[in-house]
Amino acid sequence: MPEAVSLDGLIGRTNWDDMQWDAFRPGIRVHWLYRTGAGGAEAALLRYDPGATVPLHEHLGWEHILVLRGSQSDGTTRYKEGALLISPPGSRHAIASPEGCVVLAIWQHPVRIV
């Protein structure tokens, strides 16, 4: 049985250096909260360096993004600290973070790069 995860002080946090960050994509590091494997649900904190991007991708399941610090854009909207973005299955977008950001990401299924 998986262990429960509890993180305090995520809102308004300014220093993220005390967490274990692993390489995820170029310019993006990940702190995994849970992974179920086999294309199933995952949750993580993602830390974007300034200028980091994620190419156009399609959501194969629901995705929830809560911006905890900085901002990111999907090309039409800039999501600032405190913004919640919920992407339905079948939706597509690319992501850019000119200033860098930290987000909580919860995926029903991993995305597919288009």
PDB file of N, CA and C in Angstrom:
ATOM      1  N   MET A   1       0.848  -1.178   0.000  1.00  0.00           N
ATOM      2  CA  MET A   1       0.000   0.000   0.000  1.00  0.00           C
ATOM      3  C   MET A   1       0.895   1.244   0.000  1.00  0.00           C
ATOM      4  N   PRO A   2       0.585   2.214  -0.869  1.00  0.00           N
ATOM      5  CA  PRO A   2       1.379   3.453  -0.894  1.00  0.00           C
ATOM      6  C   PRO A   2       1.254   4.225   0.415  1.00  0.00           C
ATOM      7  N   GLU A   3       2.289   5.026   0.685  1.00  0.00           N
ATOM      8  CA  GLU A   3       2.279   5.860   1.884  1.00  0.00           C
ATOM      9  C   GLU A   3       1.553   7.169   1.606  1.00  0.00           C
ATOM     10  N   ALA A   4       0.946   7.741   2.642  1.00  0.00           N
ATOM     11  CA  ALA A   4       0.319   9.048   2.524  1.00  0.00           C
ATOM     12  C   ALA A   4       1.399  10.116   2.332  1.00  0.00           C
ATOM     13  N   VAL A   5       1.058  11.173   1.608  1.00  0.00           N
ATOM     14  CA  VAL A   5       1.972  12.287   1.363  1.00  0.00           C
ATOM     15  C   VAL A   5       1.386  13.524   2.016  1.00  0.00           C
ATOM     16  N   SER A   6       2.204  14.252   2.746  1.00  0.00           N
ATOM     17  CA  SER A   6       1.769  15.490   3.375  1.00  0.00           C
ATOM     18  C   SER A   6       2.868  16.536   3.207  1.00  0.00           C
ATOM     19  N   LEU A   7       2.512  17.675   2.622  1.00  0.00           N
ATOM     20  CA  LEU A   7       3.457  18.770   2.428  1.00  0.00           C
ATOM     21  C   LEU A   7       2.821  20.043   2.974  1.00  0.00           C
ATOM     22  N   ASP A   8       3.512  20.724   3.851  1.00  0.00           N
ATOM     23  CA  ASP A   8       3.016  21.976   4.415  1.00  0.00           C
ATOM     24  C   ASP A   8       3.717  23.162   3.754  1.00  0.00           C
ATOM     25  N   GLY A   9       3.038  24.296   3.750  1.00  0.00           N
ATOM     26  CA  GLY A   9       3.658  25.548   3.339  1.00  0.00           C
ATOM     27  C   GLY A   9       3.947  25.695   1.861  1.00  0.00           C
ATOM     28  N   LEU A  10       3.164  25.083   0.997  1.00  0.00           N
ATOM     29  CA  LEU A  10       3.415  25.199  -0.431  1.00  0.00           C
ATOM     30  C   LEU A  10       2.980  26.562  -0.983  1.00  0.00           C
ATOM     31  N   ILE A  11       1.907  27.116  -0.458  1.00  0.00           N
ATOM     32  CA  ILE A  11       1.419  28.419  -0.910  1.00  0.00           C
ATOM     33  C   ILE A  11       2.282  29.508  -0.282  1.00  0.00           C
ATOM     34  N   GLY A  12       2.827  30.379  -1.105  1.00  0.00           N
ATOM     35  CA  GLY A  12       3.652  31.478  -0.628  1.00  0.00           C
ATOM     36  C   GLY A  12       5.100  31.113  -0.347  1.00  0.00           C
ATOM     37  N   ARG A  13       5.464  29.891  -0.600  1.00  0.00           N
ATOM     38  CA  ARG A  13       6.840  29.449  -0.363  1.00  0.00           C
ATOM     39  C   ARG A  13       7.782  30.133  -1.349  1.00  0.00           C
ATOM     40  N   THR A  14       8.936  30.568  -0.881  1.00  0.00           N
ATOM     41  CA  THR A  14       9.899  31.235  -1.760  1.00  0.00           C
ATOM     42  C   THR A  14      11.169  30.415  -1.973  1.00  0.00           C
ATOM     43  N   ASN A  15      11.466  29.471  -1.107  1.00  0.00           N
ATOM     44  CA  ASN A  15      12.673  28.659  -1.246  1.00  0.00           C
ATOM     45  C   ASN A  15      12.270  27.201  -1.434  1.00  0.00           C
ATOM     46  N   TRP A  16      12.677  26.640  -2.559  1.00  0.00           N
ATOM     47  CA  TRP A  16      12.334  25.257  -2.898  1.00  0.00           C
ATOM     48  C   TRP A  16      13.554  24.351  -2.904  1.00  0.00           C
ATOM     49  N   ASP A  17      14.683  24.847  -2.405  1.00  0.00           N
ATOM     50  CA  ASP A  17      15.941  24.115  -2.506  1.00  0.00           C
ATOM     51  C   ASP A  17      16.075  22.947  -1.535  1.00  0.00           C
ATOM     52  N   ASP A  18      15.192  22.820  -0.564  1.00  0.00           N
ATOM     53  CA  ASP A  18      15.309  21.745   0.421  1.00  0.00           C
ATOM     54  C   ASP A  18      14.651  20.438  -0.032  1.00  0.00           C
ATOM     55  N   MET A  19      14.118  20.417  -1.246  1.00  0.00           N
ATOM     56  CA  MET A  19      13.479  19.212  -1.779  1.00  0.00           C
ATOM     57  C   MET A  19      14.413  18.507  -2.754  1.00  0.00           C
ATOM     58  N   GLN A  20      14.202  17.221  -2.930  1.00  0.00           N
ATOM     59  CA  GLN A  20      14.940  16.423  -3.913  1.00  0.00           C
ATOM     60  C   GLN A  20      14.335  16.668  -5.286  1.00  0.00           C
ATOM     61  N   TRP A  21      15.116  17.218  -6.203  1.00  0.00           N
ATOM     62  CA  TRP A  21      14.661  17.497  -7.561  1.00  0.00           C
ATOM     63  C   TRP A  21      15.447  16.626  -8.535  1.00  0.00           C
ATOM     64  N   ASP A  22      14.738  15.966  -9.439  1.00  0.00           N
ATOM     65  CA  ASP A  22      15.349  15.119 -10.453  1.00  0.00           C
ATOM     66  C   ASP A  22      15.089  15.712 -11.832  1.00  0.00           C
ATOM     67  N   ALA A  23      15.936  15.383 -12.806  1.00  0.00           N
ATOM     68  CA  ALA A  23      15.728  15.825 -14.181  1.00  0.00           C
ATOM     69  C   ALA A  23      14.409  15.264 -14.694  1.00  0.00           C
ATOM     70  N   PHE A  24      13.674  16.084 -15.434  1.00  0.00           N
ATOM     71  CA  PHE A  24      12.381  15.662 -15.997  1.00  0.00           C
ATOM     72  C   PHE A  24      12.363  15.916 -17.504  1.00  0.00           C
ATOM     73  N   ARG A  25      12.498  17.169 -17.890  1.00  0.00           N
ATOM     74  CA  ARG A  25      12.617  17.609 -19.274  1.00  0.00           C
ATOM     75  C   ARG A  25      13.689  18.692 -19.272  1.00  0.00           C
ATOM     76  N   PRO A  26      14.214  19.088 -20.424  1.00  0.00           N
ATOM     77  CA  PRO A  26      15.204  20.170 -20.428  1.00  0.00           C
ATOM     78  C   PRO A  26      14.658  21.416 -19.726  1.00  0.00           C
ATOM     79  N   GLY A  27      15.373  21.880 -18.703  1.00  0.00           N
ATOM     80  CA  GLY A  27      14.968  23.073 -17.967  1.00  0.00           C
ATOM     81  C   GLY A  27      13.888  22.857 -16.933  1.00  0.00           C
ATOM     82  N   ILE A  28      13.452  21.615 -16.762  1.00  0.00           N
ATOM     83  CA  ILE A  28      12.373  21.310 -15.800  1.00  0.00           C
ATOM     84  C   ILE A  28      12.821  20.171 -14.905  1.00  0.00           C
ATOM     85  N   ARG A  29      12.670  20.373 -13.601  1.00  0.00           N
ATOM     86  CA  ARG A  29      12.986  19.333 -12.621  1.00  0.00           C
ATOM     87  C   ARG A  29      11.696  18.880 -11.938  1.00  0.00           C
ATOM     88  N   VAL A  30      11.733  17.677 -11.383  1.00  0.00           N
ATOM     89  CA  VAL A  30      10.532  17.082 -10.809  1.00  0.00           C
ATOM     90  C   VAL A  30      10.809  16.574  -9.395  1.00  0.00           C
ATOM     91  N   HIS A  31       9.828  16.737  -8.534  1.00  0.00           N
ATOM     92  CA  HIS A  31       9.808  16.137  -7.201  1.00  0.00           C
ATOM     93  C   HIS A  31       8.541  15.276  -7.169  1.00  0.00           C
ATOM     94  N   TRP A  32       8.710  13.960  -7.319  1.00  0.00           N
ATOM     95  CA  TRP A  32       7.555  13.057  -7.416  1.00  0.00           C
ATOM     96  C   TRP A  32       6.835  12.938  -6.080  1.00  0.00           C
ATOM     97  N   LEU A  33       5.519  13.035  -6.120  1.00  0.00           N
ATOM     98  CA  LEU A  33       4.684  12.798  -4.943  1.00  0.00           C
ATOM     99  C   LEU A  33       4.159  11.368  -4.960  1.00  0.00           C
ATOM    100  N   TYR A  34       3.752  10.905  -6.145  1.00  0.00           N
ATOM    101  CA  TYR A  34       3.430   9.491  -6.332  1.00  0.00           C
ATOM    102  C   TYR A  34       3.419   9.170  -7.813  1.00  0.00           C
ATOM    103  N   ARG A  35       3.650   7.902  -8.103  1.00  0.00           N
ATOM    104  CA  ARG A  35       3.586   7.363  -9.458  1.00  0.00           C
ATOM    105  C   ARG A  35       2.955   5.991  -9.364  1.00  0.00           C
ATOM    106  N   THR A  36       1.972   5.715 -10.206  1.00  0.00           N
ATOM    107  CA  THR A  36       1.333   4.408 -10.164  1.00  0.00           C
ATOM    108  C   THR A  36       1.888   3.458 -11.223  1.00  0.00           C
ATOM    109  N   GLY A  37       2.626   4.004 -12.195  1.00  0.00           N
ATOM    110  CA  GLY A  37       3.213   3.163 -13.233  1.00  0.00           C
ATOM    111  C   GLY A  37       2.225   2.771 -14.306  1.00  0.00           C
ATOM    112  N   ALA A  38       2.738   2.159 -15.368  1.00  0.00           N
ATOM    113  CA  ALA A  38       1.931   1.632 -16.469  1.00  0.00           C
ATOM    114  C   ALA A  38       0.976   2.666 -17.059  1.00  0.00           C
ATOM    115  N   GLY A  39       1.419   3.935 -17.167  1.00  0.00           N
ATOM    116  CA  GLY A  39       0.580   4.962 -17.782  1.00  0.00           C
ATOM    117  C   GLY A  39      -0.556   5.456 -16.912  1.00  0.00           C
ATOM    118  N   GLY A  40      -0.474   5.161 -15.620  1.00  0.00           N
ATOM    119  CA  GLY A  40      -1.538   5.562 -14.703  1.00  0.00           C
ATOM    120  C   GLY A  40      -1.300   6.920 -14.079  1.00  0.00           C
ATOM    121  N   ALA A  41      -2.029   7.196 -13.035  1.00  0.00           N
ATOM    122  CA  ALA A  41      -2.011   8.491 -12.360  1.00  0.00           C
ATOM    123  C   ALA A  41      -0.646   8.800 -11.753  1.00  0.00           C
ATOM    124  N   GLU A  42      -0.308  10.101 -11.775  1.00  0.00           N
ATOM    125  CA  GLU A  42       0.939  10.588 -11.191  1.00  0.00           C
ATOM    126  C   GLU A  42       0.694  11.974 -10.612  1.00  0.00           C
ATOM    127  N   ALA A  43       1.482  12.335  -9.624  1.00  0.00           N
ATOM    128  CA  ALA A  43       1.445  13.695  -9.075  1.00  0.00           C
ATOM    129  C   ALA A  43       2.864  14.110  -8.742  1.00  0.00           C
ATOM    130  N   ALA A  44       3.168  15.384  -8.983  1.00  0.00           N
ATOM    131  CA  ALA A  44       4.525  15.866  -8.764  1.00  0.00           C
ATOM    132  C   ALA A  44       4.522  17.377  -8.631  1.00  0.00           C
ATOM    133  N   LEU A  45       5.600  17.883  -8.061  1.00  0.00           N
ATOM    134  CA  LEU A  45       5.918  19.298  -8.152  1.00  0.00           C
ATOM    135  C   LEU A  45       6.881  19.429  -9.321  1.00  0.00           C
ATOM    136  N   LEU A  46       6.643  20.389 -10.196  1.00  0.00           N
ATOM    137  CA  LEU A  46       7.531  20.651 -11.326  1.00  0.00           C
ATOM    138  C   LEU A  46       8.148  22.023 -11.131  1.00  0.00           C
ATOM    139  N   ARG A  47       9.438  22.102 -11.316  1.00  0.00           N
ATOM    140  CA  ARG A  47      10.175  23.360 -11.143  1.00  0.00           C
ATOM    141  C   ARG A  47      10.781  23.751 -12.486  1.00  0.00           C
ATOM    142  N   TYR A  48      10.222  24.791 -13.110  1.00  0.00           N
ATOM    143  CA  TYR A  48      10.662  25.280 -14.413  1.00  0.00           C
ATOM    144  C   TYR A  48      11.748  26.336 -14.227  1.00  0.00           C
ATOM    145  N   ASP A  49      12.861  26.189 -14.908  1.00  0.00           N
ATOM    146  CA  ASP A  49      13.863  27.246 -14.968  1.00  0.00           C
ATOM    147  C   ASP A  49      13.298  28.376 -15.834  1.00  0.00           C
ATOM    148  N   PRO A  50      13.778  29.606 -15.666  1.00  0.00           N
ATOM    149  CA  PRO A  50      13.332  30.676 -16.565  1.00  0.00           C
ATOM    150  C   PRO A  50      13.577  30.294 -18.023  1.00  0.00           C
ATOM    151  N   GLY A  51      12.540  30.452 -18.837  1.00  0.00           N
ATOM    152  CA  GLY A  51      12.634  30.128 -20.260  1.00  0.00           C
ATOM    153  C   GLY A  51      12.310  28.690 -20.613  1.00  0.00           C
ATOM    154  N   ALA A  52      12.039  27.840 -19.630  1.00  0.00           N
ATOM    155  CA  ALA A  52      11.750  26.428 -19.912  1.00  0.00           C
ATOM    156  C   ALA A  52      10.412  26.287 -20.646  1.00  0.00           C
ATOM    157  N   THR A  53      10.346  25.268 -21.494  1.00  0.00           N
ATOM    158  CA  THR A  53       9.136  25.012 -22.270  1.00  0.00           C
ATOM    159  C   THR A  53       8.806  23.525 -22.293  1.00  0.00           C
ATOM    160  N   VAL A  54       7.543  23.232 -22.560  1.00  0.00           N
ATOM    161  CA  VAL A  54       7.085  21.875 -22.856  1.00  0.00           C
ATOM    162  C   VAL A  54       6.436  21.968 -24.237  1.00  0.00           C
ATOM    163  N   PRO A  55       6.873  21.132 -25.189  1.00  0.00           N
ATOM    164  CA  PRO A  55       6.320  21.244 -26.548  1.00  0.00           C
ATOM    165  C   PRO A  55       4.832  20.876 -26.588  1.00  0.00           C
ATOM    166  N   LEU A  56       4.221  21.142 -27.734  1.00  0.00           N
ATOM    167  CA  LEU A  56       2.817  20.814 -27.931  1.00  0.00           C
ATOM    168  C   LEU A  56       2.571  19.369 -27.514  1.00  0.00           C
ATOM    169  N   HIS A  57       1.576  19.184 -26.666  1.00  0.00           N
ATOM    170  CA  HIS A  57       1.257  17.840 -26.187  1.00  0.00           C
ATOM    171  C   HIS A  57      -0.248  17.686 -26.039  1.00  0.00           C
ATOM    172  N   GLU A  58      -0.690  16.424 -26.067  1.00  0.00           N
ATOM    173  CA  GLU A  58      -2.100  16.098 -25.932  1.00  0.00           C
ATOM    174  C   GLU A  58      -2.313  15.392 -24.605  1.00  0.00           C
ATOM    175  N   HIS A  59      -3.398  15.768 -23.951  1.00  0.00           N
ATOM    176  CA  HIS A  59      -3.745  15.140 -22.673  1.00  0.00           C
ATOM    177  C   HIS A  59      -4.565  13.880 -22.927  1.00  0.00           C
ATOM    178  N   LEU A  60      -4.059  12.750 -22.438  1.00  0.00           N
ATOM    179  CA  LEU A  60      -4.738  11.468 -22.609  1.00  0.00           C
ATOM    180  C   LEU A  60      -5.716  11.209 -21.464  1.00  0.00           C
ATOM    181  N   GLY A  61      -5.642  12.037 -20.442  1.00  0.00           N
ATOM    182  CA  GLY A  61      -6.555  12.000 -19.295  1.00  0.00           C
ATOM    183  C   GLY A  61      -6.599  13.389 -18.702  1.00  0.00           C
ATOM    184  N   TRP A  62      -7.298  13.530 -17.615  1.00  0.00           N
ATOM    185  CA  TRP A  62      -7.381  14.824 -16.934  1.00  0.00           C
ATOM    186  C   TRP A  62      -6.023  15.231 -16.376  1.00  0.00           C
ATOM    187  N   GLU A  63      -5.754  16.540 -16.427  1.00  0.00           N
ATOM    188  CA  GLU A  63      -4.551  17.093 -15.813  1.00  0.00           C
ATOM    189  C   GLU A  63      -4.958  18.318 -15.001  1.00  0.00           C
ATOM    190  N   HIS A  64      -4.426  18.407 -13.783  1.00  0.00           N
ATOM    191  CA  HIS A  64      -4.662  19.559 -12.905  1.00  0.00           C
ATOM    192  C   HIS A  64      -3.323  20.200 -12.611  1.00  0.00           C
ATOM    193  N   ILE A  65      -3.230  21.513 -12.841  1.00  0.00           N
ATOM    194  CA  ILE A  65      -2.008  22.275 -12.576  1.00  0.00           C
ATOM    195  C   ILE A  65      -2.365  23.427 -11.644  1.00  0.00           C
ATOM    196  N   LEU A  66      -1.666  23.517 -10.515  1.00  0.00           N
ATOM    197  CA  LEU A  66      -1.801  24.641  -9.593  1.00  0.00           C
ATOM    198  C   LEU A  66      -0.459  25.364  -9.570  1.00  0.00           C
ATOM    199  N   VAL A  67      -0.451  26.631  -9.981  1.00  0.00           N
ATOM    200  CA  VAL A  67       0.778  27.413 -10.008  1.00  0.00           C
ATOM    201  C   VAL A  67       1.072  27.894  -8.589  1.00  0.00           C
ATOM    202  N   LEU A  68       2.203  27.451  -8.051  1.00  0.00           N
ATOM    203  CA  LEU A  68       2.587  27.776  -6.679  1.00  0.00           C
ATOM    204  C   LEU A  68       3.535  28.970  -6.609  1.00  0.00           C
ATOM    205  N   ARG A  69       4.287  29.193  -7.665  1.00  0.00           N
ATOM    206  CA  ARG A  69       5.243  30.315  -7.704  1.00  0.00           C
ATOM    207  C   ARG A  69       5.510  30.659  -9.159  1.00  0.00           C
ATOM    208  N   GLY A  70       5.692  31.940  -9.467  1.00  0.00           N
ATOM    209  CA  GLY A  70       5.980  32.360 -10.829  1.00  0.00           C
ATOM    210  C   GLY A  70       4.745  32.277 -11.705  1.00  0.00           C
ATOM    211  N   SER A  71       4.965  31.984 -12.986  1.00  0.00           N
ATOM    212  CA  SER A  71       3.843  31.866 -13.921  1.00  0.00           C
ATOM    213  C   SER A  71       4.241  30.989 -15.103  1.00  0.00           C
ATOM    214  N   GLN A  72       3.217  30.514 -15.803  1.00  0.00           N
ATOM    215  CA  GLN A  72       3.427  29.782 -17.041  1.00  0.00           C
ATOM    216  C   GLN A  72       2.323  30.171 -18.004  1.00  0.00           C
ATOM    217  N   SER A  73       2.570  29.938 -19.290  1.00  0.00           N
ATOM    218  CA  SER A  73       1.616  30.316 -20.323  1.00  0.00           C
ATOM    219  C   SER A  73       1.388  29.145 -21.264  1.00  0.00           C
ATOM    220  N   ASP A  74       0.148  29.060 -21.763  1.00  0.00           N
ATOM    221  CA  ASP A  74      -0.162  28.034 -22.758  1.00  0.00           C
ATOM    222  C   ASP A  74      -0.288  28.637 -24.155  1.00  0.00           C
ATOM    223  N   GLY A  75       0.216  29.859 -24.325  1.00  0.00           N
ATOM    224  CA  GLY A  75       0.159  30.528 -25.621  1.00  0.00           C
ATOM    225  C   GLY A  75      -1.029  31.465 -25.749  1.00  0.00           C
ATOM    226  N   THR A  76      -2.063  31.252 -24.958  1.00  0.00           N
ATOM    227  CA  THR A  76      -3.221  32.153 -24.983  1.00  0.00           C
ATOM    228  C   THR A  76      -3.426  32.845 -23.639  1.00  0.00           C
ATOM    229  N   THR A  77      -3.090  32.164 -22.562  1.00  0.00           N
ATOM    230  CA  THR A  77      -3.327  32.703 -21.225  1.00  0.00           C
ATOM    231  C   THR A  77      -2.072  32.541 -20.378  1.00  0.00           C
ATOM    232  N   ARG A  78      -1.772  33.571 -19.584  1.00  0.00           N
ATOM    233  CA  ARG A  78      -0.674  33.497 -18.610  1.00  0.00           C
ATOM    234  C   ARG A  78      -1.297  33.151 -17.264  1.00  0.00           C
ATOM    235  N   TYR A  79      -0.841  32.058 -16.678  1.00  0.00           N
ATOM    236  CA  TYR A  79      -1.351  31.583 -15.389  1.00  0.00           C
ATOM    237  C   TYR A  79      -0.350  31.962 -14.308  1.00  0.00           C
ATOM    238  N   LYS A  80      -0.778  32.859 -13.413  1.00  0.00           N
ATOM    239  CA  LYS A  80       0.101  33.361 -12.360  1.00  0.00           C
ATOM    240  C   LYS A  80      -0.087  32.559 -11.077  1.00  0.00           C
ATOM    241  N   GLU A  81       0.766  32.858 -10.110  1.00  0.00           N
ATOM    242  CA  GLU A  81       0.720  32.199  -8.803  1.00  0.00           C
ATOM    243  C   GLU A  81      -0.720  32.160  -8.285  1.00  0.00           C
ATOM    244  N   GLY A  82      -1.152  30.967  -7.877  1.00  0.00           N
ATOM    245  CA  GLY A  82      -2.505  30.773  -7.366  1.00  0.00           C
ATOM    246  C   GLY A  82      -3.489  30.295  -8.411  1.00  0.00           C
ATOM    247  N   ALA A  83      -3.113  30.305  -9.694  1.00  0.00           N
ATOM    248  CA  ALA A  83      -4.016  29.871 -10.759  1.00  0.00           C
ATOM    249  C   ALA A  83      -4.126  28.349 -10.790  1.00  0.00           C
ATOM    250  N   LEU A  84      -5.325  27.871 -11.070  1.00  0.00           N
ATOM    251  CA  LEU A  84      -5.585  26.444 -11.248  1.00  0.00           C
ATOM    252  C   LEU A  84      -6.032  26.229 -12.682  1.00  0.00           C
ATOM    253  N   LEU A  85      -5.356  25.341 -13.381  1.00  0.00           N
ATOM    254  CA  LEU A  85      -5.700  25.001 -14.761  1.00  0.00           C
ATOM    255  C   LEU A  85      -6.066  23.525 -14.800  1.00  0.00           C
ATOM    256  N   ILE A  86      -7.245  23.217 -15.318  1.00  0.00           N
ATOM    257  CA  ILE A  86      -7.686  21.832 -15.463  1.00  0.00           C
ATOM    258  C   ILE A  86      -7.870  21.561 -16.947  1.00  0.00           C
ATOM    259  N   SER A  87      -7.069  20.641 -17.483  1.00  0.00           N
ATOM    260  CA  SER A  87      -7.115  20.302 -18.904  1.00  0.00           C
ATOM    261  C   SER A  87      -7.831  18.969 -19.074  1.00  0.00           C
ATOM    262  N   PRO A  88      -8.876  18.922 -19.921  1.00  0.00           N
ATOM    263  CA  PRO A  88      -9.611  17.672 -20.125  1.00  0.00           C
ATOM    264  C   PRO A  88      -8.898  16.743 -21.101  1.00  0.00           C
ATOM    265  N   PRO A  89      -9.267  15.469 -21.099  1.00  0.00           N
ATOM    266  CA  PRO A  89      -8.710  14.539 -22.076  1.00  0.00           C
ATOM    267  C   PRO A  89      -8.961  15.057 -23.494  1.00  0.00           C
ATOM    268  N   GLY A  90      -7.945  14.908 -24.358  1.00  0.00           N
ATOM    269  CA  GLY A  90      -8.057  15.337 -25.740  1.00  0.00           C
ATOM    270  C   GLY A  90      -7.599  16.760 -25.988  1.00  0.00           C
ATOM    271  N   SER A  91      -7.435  17.559 -24.937  1.00  0.00           N
ATOM    272  CA  SER A  91      -6.981  18.942 -25.135  1.00  0.00           C
ATOM    273  C   SER A  91      -5.488  18.953 -25.449  1.00  0.00           C
ATOM    274  N   ARG A  92      -5.053  20.022 -26.124  1.00  0.00           N
ATOM    275  CA  ARG A  92      -3.650  20.166 -26.528  1.00  0.00           C
ATOM    276  C   ARG A  92      -3.176  21.573 -26.233  1.00  0.00           C
ATOM    277  N   HIS A  93      -1.925  21.688 -25.870  1.00  0.00           N
ATOM    278  CA  HIS A  93      -1.273  22.986 -25.715  1.00  0.00           C
ATOM    279  C   HIS A  93       0.220  22.776 -25.529  1.00  0.00           C
ATOM    280  N   ALA A  94       0.967  23.857 -25.679  1.00  0.00           N
ATOM    281  CA  ALA A  94       2.378  23.899 -25.318  1.00  0.00           C
ATOM    282  C   ALA A  94       2.478  24.804 -24.104  1.00  0.00           C
ATOM    283  N   ILE A  95       3.522  24.657 -23.317  1.00  0.00           N
ATOM    284  CA  ILE A  95       3.699  25.459 -22.104  1.00  0.00           C
ATOM    285  C   ILE A  95       5.050  26.162 -22.167  1.00  0.00           C
ATOM    286  N   ALA A  96       5.057  27.413 -21.710  1.00  0.00           N
ATOM    287  CA  ALA A  96       6.300  28.176 -21.580  1.00  0.00           C
ATOM    288  C   ALA A  96       6.272  28.922 -20.258  1.00  0.00           C
ATOM    289  N   SER A  97       7.443  29.054 -19.648  1.00  0.00           N
ATOM    290  CA  SER A  97       7.558  29.819 -18.413  1.00  0.00           C
ATOM    291  C   SER A  97       8.750  30.766 -18.523  1.00  0.00           C
ATOM    292  N   PRO A  98       8.527  31.964 -19.083  1.00  0.00           N
ATOM    293  CA  PRO A  98       9.630  32.902 -19.270  1.00  0.00           C
ATOM    294  C   PRO A  98      10.367  33.258 -17.979  1.00  0.00           C
ATOM    295  N   GLU A  99       9.644  33.378 -16.870  1.00  0.00           N
ATOM    296  CA  GLU A  99      10.273  33.773 -15.597  1.00  0.00           C
ATOM    297  C   GLU A  99      10.609  32.588 -14.705  1.00  0.00           C
ATOM    298  N   GLY A 100      10.166  31.397 -15.087  1.00  0.00           N
ATOM    299  CA  GLY A 100      10.315  30.223 -14.236  1.00  0.00           C
ATOM    300  C   GLY A 100       9.117  30.090 -13.318  1.00  0.00           C
ATOM    301  N   CYS A 101       8.877  28.887 -12.835  1.00  0.00           N
ATOM    302  CA  CYS A 101       7.746  28.670 -11.939  1.00  0.00           C
ATOM    303  C   CYS A 101       7.887  27.332 -11.225  1.00  0.00           C
ATOM    304  N   VAL A 102       7.036  27.155 -10.222  1.00  0.00           N
ATOM    305  CA  VAL A 102       6.856  25.871  -9.556  1.00  0.00           C
ATOM    306  C   VAL A 102       5.368  25.582  -9.593  1.00  0.00           C
ATOM    307  N   VAL A 103       5.004  24.371 -10.040  1.00  0.00           N
ATOM    308  CA  VAL A 103       3.600  23.991 -10.112  1.00  0.00           C
ATOM    309  C   VAL A 103       3.388  22.629  -9.458  1.00  0.00           C
ATOM    310  N   LEU A 104       2.187  22.434  -8.950  1.00  0.00           N
ATOM    311  CA  LEU A 104       1.722  21.114  -8.543  1.00  0.00           C
ATOM    312  C   LEU A 104       0.997  20.538  -9.745  1.00  0.00           C
ATOM    313  N   ALA A 105       1.424  19.381 -10.221  1.00  0.00           N
ATOM    314  CA  ALA A 105       0.820  18.739 -11.388  1.00  0.00           C
ATOM    315  C   ALA A 105       0.260  17.385 -10.978  1.00  0.00           C
ATOM    316  N   ILE A 106      -0.992  17.137 -11.356  1.00  0.00           N
ATOM    317  CA  ILE A 106      -1.645  15.854 -11.084  1.00  0.00           C
ATOM    318  C   ILE A 106      -2.211  15.356 -12.408  1.00  0.00           C
ATOM    319  N   TRP A 107      -1.725  14.191 -12.857  1.00  0.00           N
ATOM    320  CA  TRP A 107      -2.126  13.624 -14.131  1.00  0.00           C
ATOM    321  C   TRP A 107      -2.924  12.339 -13.920  1.00  0.00           C
ATOM    322  N   GLN A 108      -3.998  12.183 -14.681  1.00  0.00           N
ATOM    323  CA  GLN A 108      -4.713  10.913 -14.722  1.00  0.00           C
ATOM    324  C   GLN A 108      -3.914   9.909 -15.550  1.00  0.00           C
ATOM    325  N   HIS A 109      -3.334  10.400 -16.659  1.00  0.00           N
ATOM    326  CA  HIS A 109      -2.457   9.621 -17.539  1.00  0.00           C
ATOM    327  C   HIS A 109      -1.359  10.551 -18.039  1.00  0.00           C
ATOM    328  N   PRO A 110      -0.188  10.043 -18.346  1.00  0.00           N
ATOM    329  CA  PRO A 110       0.854  10.903 -18.924  1.00  0.00           C
ATOM    330  C   PRO A 110       0.378  11.524 -20.247  1.00  0.00           C
ATOM    331  N   VAL A 111       1.009  12.615 -20.626  1.00  0.00           N
ATOM    332  CA  VAL A 111       0.663  13.276 -21.890  1.00  0.00           C
ATOM    333  C   VAL A 111       1.408  12.626 -23.043  1.00  0.00           C
ATOM    334  N   ARG A 112       0.945  12.951 -24.256  1.00  0.00           N
ATOM    335  CA  ARG A 112       1.599  12.481 -25.478  1.00  0.00           C
ATOM    336  C   ARG A 112       2.120  13.708 -26.207  1.00  0.00           C
ATOM    337  N   ILE A 113       3.453  13.763 -26.430  1.00  0.00           N
ATOM    338  CA  ILE A 113       4.037  14.868 -27.187  1.00  0.00           C
ATOM    339  C   ILE A 113       3.588  14.740 -28.637  1.00  0.00           C
ATOM    340  N   VAL A 114       3.093  15.851 -29.197  1.00  0.00           N
ATOM    341  CA  VAL A 114       2.545  15.850 -30.565  1.00  0.00           C
ATOM    342  C   VAL A 114       3.656  16.165 -31.549  1.00  0.00           C
TER     343      VAL A 114
END
